[in-house]
Amino acid sequence: RGNPVAFGAVHLPALLALEGEHGARGLLKSAQVTQVAVEDPGILRDIDTPADL
């Protein structure tokens, strides 16, 4: 959980096919996920547009 999320090149076709407001949520549920622990609370901030910064 957190941002930024990184995807390997193998996921590019699925990412390019995404539509709607759900983003890559489905891909994250079906793909192998590696979590990296960090000590920055900013990773939980949802940033979708420049205005969100």
PDB file of N, CA and C in Angstrom:
ATOM      1  N   ARG A   1       0.844  -1.167   0.000  1.00  0.00           N
ATOM      2  CA  ARG A   1       0.000   0.000   0.000  1.00  0.00           C
ATOM      3  C   ARG A   1       0.889   1.228   0.000  1.00  0.00           C
ATOM      4  N   GLY A   2       0.593   2.182  -0.855  1.00  0.00           N
ATOM      5  CA  GLY A   2       1.355   3.413  -0.890  1.00  0.00           C
ATOM      6  C   GLY A   2       1.735   3.812  -2.298  1.00  0.00           C
ATOM      7  N   ASN A   3       2.391   4.936  -2.401  1.00  0.00           N
ATOM      8  CA  ASN A   3       2.781   5.513  -3.683  1.00  0.00           C
ATOM      9  C   ASN A   3       4.246   5.907  -3.627  1.00  0.00           C
ATOM     10  N   PRO A   4       4.984   5.837  -4.679  1.00  0.00           N
ATOM     11  CA  PRO A   4       4.537   5.420  -6.014  1.00  0.00           C
ATOM     12  C   PRO A   4       4.495   3.903  -6.133  1.00  0.00           C
ATOM     13  N   VAL A   5       3.679   3.447  -7.045  1.00  0.00           N
ATOM     14  CA  VAL A   5       3.599   2.025  -7.376  1.00  0.00           C
ATOM     15  C   VAL A   5       4.427   1.819  -8.635  1.00  0.00           C
ATOM     16  N   ALA A   6       5.240   0.790  -8.662  1.00  0.00           N
ATOM     17  CA  ALA A   6       6.074   0.499  -9.837  1.00  0.00           C
ATOM     18  C   ALA A   6       5.633  -0.832 -10.435  1.00  0.00           C
ATOM     19  N   PHE A   7       5.584  -0.882 -11.756  1.00  0.00           N
ATOM     20  CA  PHE A   7       5.207  -2.103 -12.468  1.00  0.00           C
ATOM     21  C   PHE A   7       6.333  -2.490 -13.408  1.00  0.00           C
ATOM     22  N   GLY A   8       6.572  -3.783 -13.534  1.00  0.00           N
ATOM     23  CA  GLY A   8       7.538  -4.281 -14.499  1.00  0.00           C
ATOM     24  C   GLY A   8       6.985  -4.156 -15.913  1.00  0.00           C
ATOM     25  N   ALA A   9       7.875  -4.194 -16.893  1.00  0.00           N
ATOM     26  CA  ALA A   9       7.487  -4.045 -18.301  1.00  0.00           C
ATOM     27  C   ALA A   9       6.496  -5.108 -18.753  1.00  0.00           C
ATOM     28  N   VAL A  10       6.500  -6.264 -18.118  1.00  0.00           N
ATOM     29  CA  VAL A  10       5.573  -7.331 -18.492  1.00  0.00           C
ATOM     30  C   VAL A  10       4.115  -6.896 -18.310  1.00  0.00           C
ATOM     31  N   HIS A  11       3.867  -5.909 -17.463  1.00  0.00           N
ATOM     32  CA  HIS A  11       2.508  -5.440 -17.185  1.00  0.00           C
ATOM     33  C   HIS A  11       2.064  -4.294 -18.098  1.00  0.00           C
ATOM     34  N   LEU A  12       2.923  -3.837 -18.983  1.00  0.00           N
ATOM     35  CA  LEU A  12       2.591  -2.688 -19.826  1.00  0.00           C
ATOM     36  C   LEU A  12       1.314  -2.885 -20.641  1.00  0.00           C
ATOM     37  N   PRO A  13       1.116  -4.002 -21.330  1.00  0.00           N
ATOM     38  CA  PRO A  13      -0.132  -4.162 -22.098  1.00  0.00           C
ATOM     39  C   PRO A  13      -1.386  -4.036 -21.224  1.00  0.00           C
ATOM     40  N   ALA A  14      -1.365  -4.625 -20.042  1.00  0.00           N
ATOM     41  CA  ALA A  14      -2.519  -4.537 -19.145  1.00  0.00           C
ATOM     42  C   ALA A  14      -2.728  -3.113 -18.648  1.00  0.00           C
ATOM     43  N   LEU A  15      -1.650  -2.401 -18.376  1.00  0.00           N
ATOM     44  CA  LEU A  15      -1.765  -1.014 -17.924  1.00  0.00           C
ATOM     45  C   LEU A  15      -2.325  -0.118 -19.022  1.00  0.00           C
ATOM     46  N   LEU A  16      -1.887  -0.334 -20.247  1.00  0.00           N
ATOM     47  CA  LEU A  16      -2.375   0.476 -21.362  1.00  0.00           C
ATOM     48  C   LEU A  16      -3.845   0.207 -21.667  1.00  0.00           C
ATOM     49  N   ALA A  17      -4.345  -0.948 -21.280  1.00  0.00           N
ATOM     50  CA  ALA A  17      -5.739  -1.308 -21.545  1.00  0.00           C
ATOM     51  C   ALA A  17      -6.695  -0.833 -20.451  1.00  0.00           C
ATOM     52  N   LEU A  18      -6.183  -0.232 -19.391  1.00  0.00           N
ATOM     53  CA  LEU A  18      -7.039   0.192 -18.282  1.00  0.00           C
ATOM     54  C   LEU A  18      -7.996   1.289 -18.705  1.00  0.00           C
ATOM     55  N   GLU A  19      -9.206   1.225 -18.158  1.00  0.00           N
ATOM     56  CA  GLU A  19     -10.219   2.253 -18.391  1.00  0.00           C
ATOM     57  C   GLU A  19     -10.941   2.519 -17.081  1.00  0.00           C
ATOM     58  N   GLY A  20     -11.558   3.679 -16.989  1.00  0.00           N
ATOM     59  CA  GLY A  20     -12.395   3.982 -15.833  1.00  0.00           C
ATOM     60  C   GLY A  20     -11.622   4.529 -14.655  1.00  0.00           C
ATOM     61  N   GLU A  21     -12.314   4.585 -13.534  1.00  0.00           N
ATOM     62  CA  GLU A  21     -11.786   5.224 -12.330  1.00  0.00           C
ATOM     63  C   GLU A  21     -11.065   4.275 -11.376  1.00  0.00           C
ATOM     64  N   HIS A  22     -10.990   2.996 -11.708  1.00  0.00           N
ATOM     65  CA  HIS A  22     -10.416   2.046 -10.767  1.00  0.00           C
ATOM     66  C   HIS A  22      -8.912   1.883 -10.920  1.00  0.00           C
ATOM     67  N   GLY A  23      -8.339   2.474 -11.944  1.00  0.00           N
ATOM     68  CA  GLY A  23      -6.899   2.384 -12.126  1.00  0.00           C
ATOM     69  C   GLY A  23      -6.415   0.953 -12.196  1.00  0.00           C
ATOM     70  N   ALA A  24      -5.282   0.703 -11.602  1.00  0.00           N
ATOM     71  CA  ALA A  24      -4.642  -0.612 -11.686  1.00  0.00           C
ATOM     72  C   ALA A  24      -4.992  -1.513 -10.506  1.00  0.00           C
ATOM     73  N   ARG A  25      -6.055  -1.196  -9.798  1.00  0.00           N
ATOM     74  CA  ARG A  25      -6.429  -1.977  -8.611  1.00  0.00           C
ATOM     75  C   ARG A  25      -6.562  -3.472  -8.931  1.00  0.00           C
ATOM     76  N   GLY A  26      -7.246  -3.799 -10.023  1.00  0.00           N
ATOM     77  CA  GLY A  26      -7.419  -5.205 -10.393  1.00  0.00           C
ATOM     78  C   GLY A  26      -6.102  -5.886 -10.708  1.00  0.00           C
ATOM     79  N   LEU A  27      -5.220  -5.165 -11.385  1.00  0.00           N
ATOM     80  CA  LEU A  27      -3.907  -5.720 -11.708  1.00  0.00           C
ATOM     81  C   LEU A  27      -3.107  -5.975 -10.434  1.00  0.00           C
ATOM     82  N   LEU A  28      -3.188  -5.067  -9.488  1.00  0.00           N
ATOM     83  CA  LEU A  28      -2.475  -5.252  -8.223  1.00  0.00           C
ATOM     84  C   LEU A  28      -2.993  -6.466  -7.458  1.00  0.00           C
ATOM     85  N   LYS A  29      -4.286  -6.745  -7.577  1.00  0.00           N
ATOM     86  CA  LYS A  29      -4.861  -7.901  -6.878  1.00  0.00           C
ATOM     87  C   LYS A  29      -4.446  -9.219  -7.519  1.00  0.00           C
ATOM     88  N   SER A  30      -4.155  -9.200  -8.825  1.00  0.00           N
ATOM     89  CA  SER A  30      -3.847 -10.450  -9.515  1.00  0.00           C
ATOM     90  C   SER A  30      -2.349 -10.687  -9.730  1.00  0.00           C
ATOM     91  N   ALA A  31      -1.534  -9.672  -9.562  1.00  0.00           N
ATOM     92  CA  ALA A  31      -0.095  -9.788  -9.825  1.00  0.00           C
ATOM     93  C   ALA A  31       0.678 -10.058  -8.532  1.00  0.00           C
ATOM     94  N   GLN A  32       1.880 -10.574  -8.694  1.00  0.00           N
ATOM     95  CA  GLN A  32       2.773 -10.738  -7.547  1.00  0.00           C
ATOM     96  C   GLN A  32       3.213  -9.349  -7.102  1.00  0.00           C
ATOM     97  N   VAL A  33       3.116  -9.079  -5.816  1.00  0.00           N
ATOM     98  CA  VAL A  33       3.438  -7.760  -5.280  1.00  0.00           C
ATOM     99  C   VAL A  33       4.619  -7.882  -4.329  1.00  0.00           C
ATOM    100  N   THR A  34       5.578  -6.985  -4.469  1.00  0.00           N
ATOM    101  CA  THR A  34       6.699  -6.888  -3.540  1.00  0.00           C
ATOM    102  C   THR A  34       6.539  -5.587  -2.774  1.00  0.00           C
ATOM    103  N   GLN A  35       6.462  -5.667  -1.466  1.00  0.00           N
ATOM    104  CA  GLN A  35       6.315  -4.470  -0.650  1.00  0.00           C
ATOM    105  C   GLN A  35       7.673  -4.047  -0.108  1.00  0.00           C
ATOM    106  N   VAL A  36       7.890  -2.743  -0.082  1.00  0.00           N
ATOM    107  CA  VAL A  36       9.134  -2.174   0.422  1.00  0.00           C
ATOM    108  C   VAL A  36       8.779  -1.253   1.585  1.00  0.00           C
ATOM    109  N   ALA A  37       9.285  -1.544   2.758  1.00  0.00           N
ATOM    110  CA  ALA A  37       8.993  -0.735   3.937  1.00  0.00           C
ATOM    111  C   ALA A  37       9.754   0.587   3.874  1.00  0.00           C
ATOM    112  N   VAL A  38       9.052   1.682   4.126  1.00  0.00           N
ATOM    113  CA  VAL A  38       9.670   3.006   4.195  1.00  0.00           C
ATOM    114  C   VAL A  38       9.099   3.747   5.397  1.00  0.00           C
ATOM    115  N   GLU A  39       9.795   4.775   5.823  1.00  0.00           N
ATOM    116  CA  GLU A  39       9.371   5.537   6.994  1.00  0.00           C
ATOM    117  C   GLU A  39       8.880   6.920   6.600  1.00  0.00           C
ATOM    118  N   ASP A  40       8.102   7.014   5.525  1.00  0.00           N
ATOM    119  CA  ASP A  40       7.593   8.297   5.044  1.00  0.00           C
ATOM    120  C   ASP A  40       6.076   8.226   4.958  1.00  0.00           C
ATOM    121  N   PRO A  41       5.347   8.948   5.817  1.00  0.00           N
ATOM    122  CA  PRO A  41       3.890   8.895   5.775  1.00  0.00           C
ATOM    123  C   PRO A  41       3.309   9.431   4.463  1.00  0.00           C
ATOM    124  N   GLY A  42       4.097  10.143   3.684  1.00  0.00           N
ATOM    125  CA  GLY A  42       3.638  10.686   2.409  1.00  0.00           C
ATOM    126  C   GLY A  42       3.313   9.628   1.376  1.00  0.00           C
ATOM    127  N   ILE A  43       3.787   8.393   1.563  1.00  0.00           N
ATOM    128  CA  ILE A  43       3.504   7.348   0.579  1.00  0.00           C
ATOM    129  C   ILE A  43       2.031   6.979   0.542  1.00  0.00           C
ATOM    130  N   LEU A  44       1.281   7.323   1.569  1.00  0.00           N
ATOM    131  CA  LEU A  44      -0.140   6.991   1.615  1.00  0.00           C
ATOM    132  C   LEU A  44      -1.018   8.082   1.011  1.00  0.00           C
ATOM    133  N   ARG A  45      -0.424   9.154   0.553  1.00  0.00           N
ATOM    134  CA  ARG A  45      -1.178  10.261  -0.035  1.00  0.00           C
ATOM    135  C   ARG A  45      -1.619   9.895  -1.450  1.00  0.00           C
ATOM    136  N   ASP A  46      -2.892  10.143  -1.761  1.00  0.00           N
ATOM    137  CA  ASP A  46      -3.447   9.831  -3.076  1.00  0.00           C
ATOM    138  C   ASP A  46      -3.250  11.035  -3.992  1.00  0.00           C
ATOM    139  N   ILE A  47      -2.421  10.892  -5.008  1.00  0.00           N
ATOM    140  CA  ILE A  47      -2.117  11.984  -5.936  1.00  0.00           C
ATOM    141  C   ILE A  47      -2.498  11.538  -7.334  1.00  0.00           C
ATOM    142  N   ASP A  48      -3.545  12.164  -7.881  1.00  0.00           N
ATOM    143  CA  ASP A  48      -4.008  11.834  -9.222  1.00  0.00           C
ATOM    144  C   ASP A  48      -3.808  12.971 -10.217  1.00  0.00           C
ATOM    145  N   THR A  49      -3.731  14.187  -9.715  1.00  0.00           N
ATOM    146  CA  THR A  49      -3.594  15.360 -10.584  1.00  0.00           C
ATOM    147  C   THR A  49      -2.582  16.319  -9.965  1.00  0.00           C
ATOM    148  N   PRO A  50      -2.054  17.273 -10.732  1.00  0.00           N
ATOM    149  CA  PRO A  50      -1.137  18.264 -10.160  1.00  0.00           C
ATOM    150  C   PRO A  50      -1.762  19.037  -8.993  1.00  0.00           C
ATOM    151  N   ALA A  51      -3.071  19.234  -9.022  1.00  0.00           N
ATOM    152  CA  ALA A  51      -3.736  19.959  -7.939  1.00  0.00           C
ATOM    153  C   ALA A  51      -3.664  19.202  -6.611  1.00  0.00           C
ATOM    154  N   ASP A  52      -3.501  17.883  -6.664  1.00  0.00           N
ATOM    155  CA  ASP A  52      -3.403  17.076  -5.448  1.00  0.00           C
ATOM    156  C   ASP A  52      -2.069  17.259  -4.732  1.00  0.00           C
ATOM    157  N   LEU A  53      -1.095  17.851  -5.418  1.00  0.00           N
ATOM    158  CA  LEU A  53       0.209  18.064  -4.801  1.00  0.00           C
ATOM    159  C   LEU A  53       0.113  19.198  -3.813  1.00  0.00           C
TER     160      LEU A  53
END
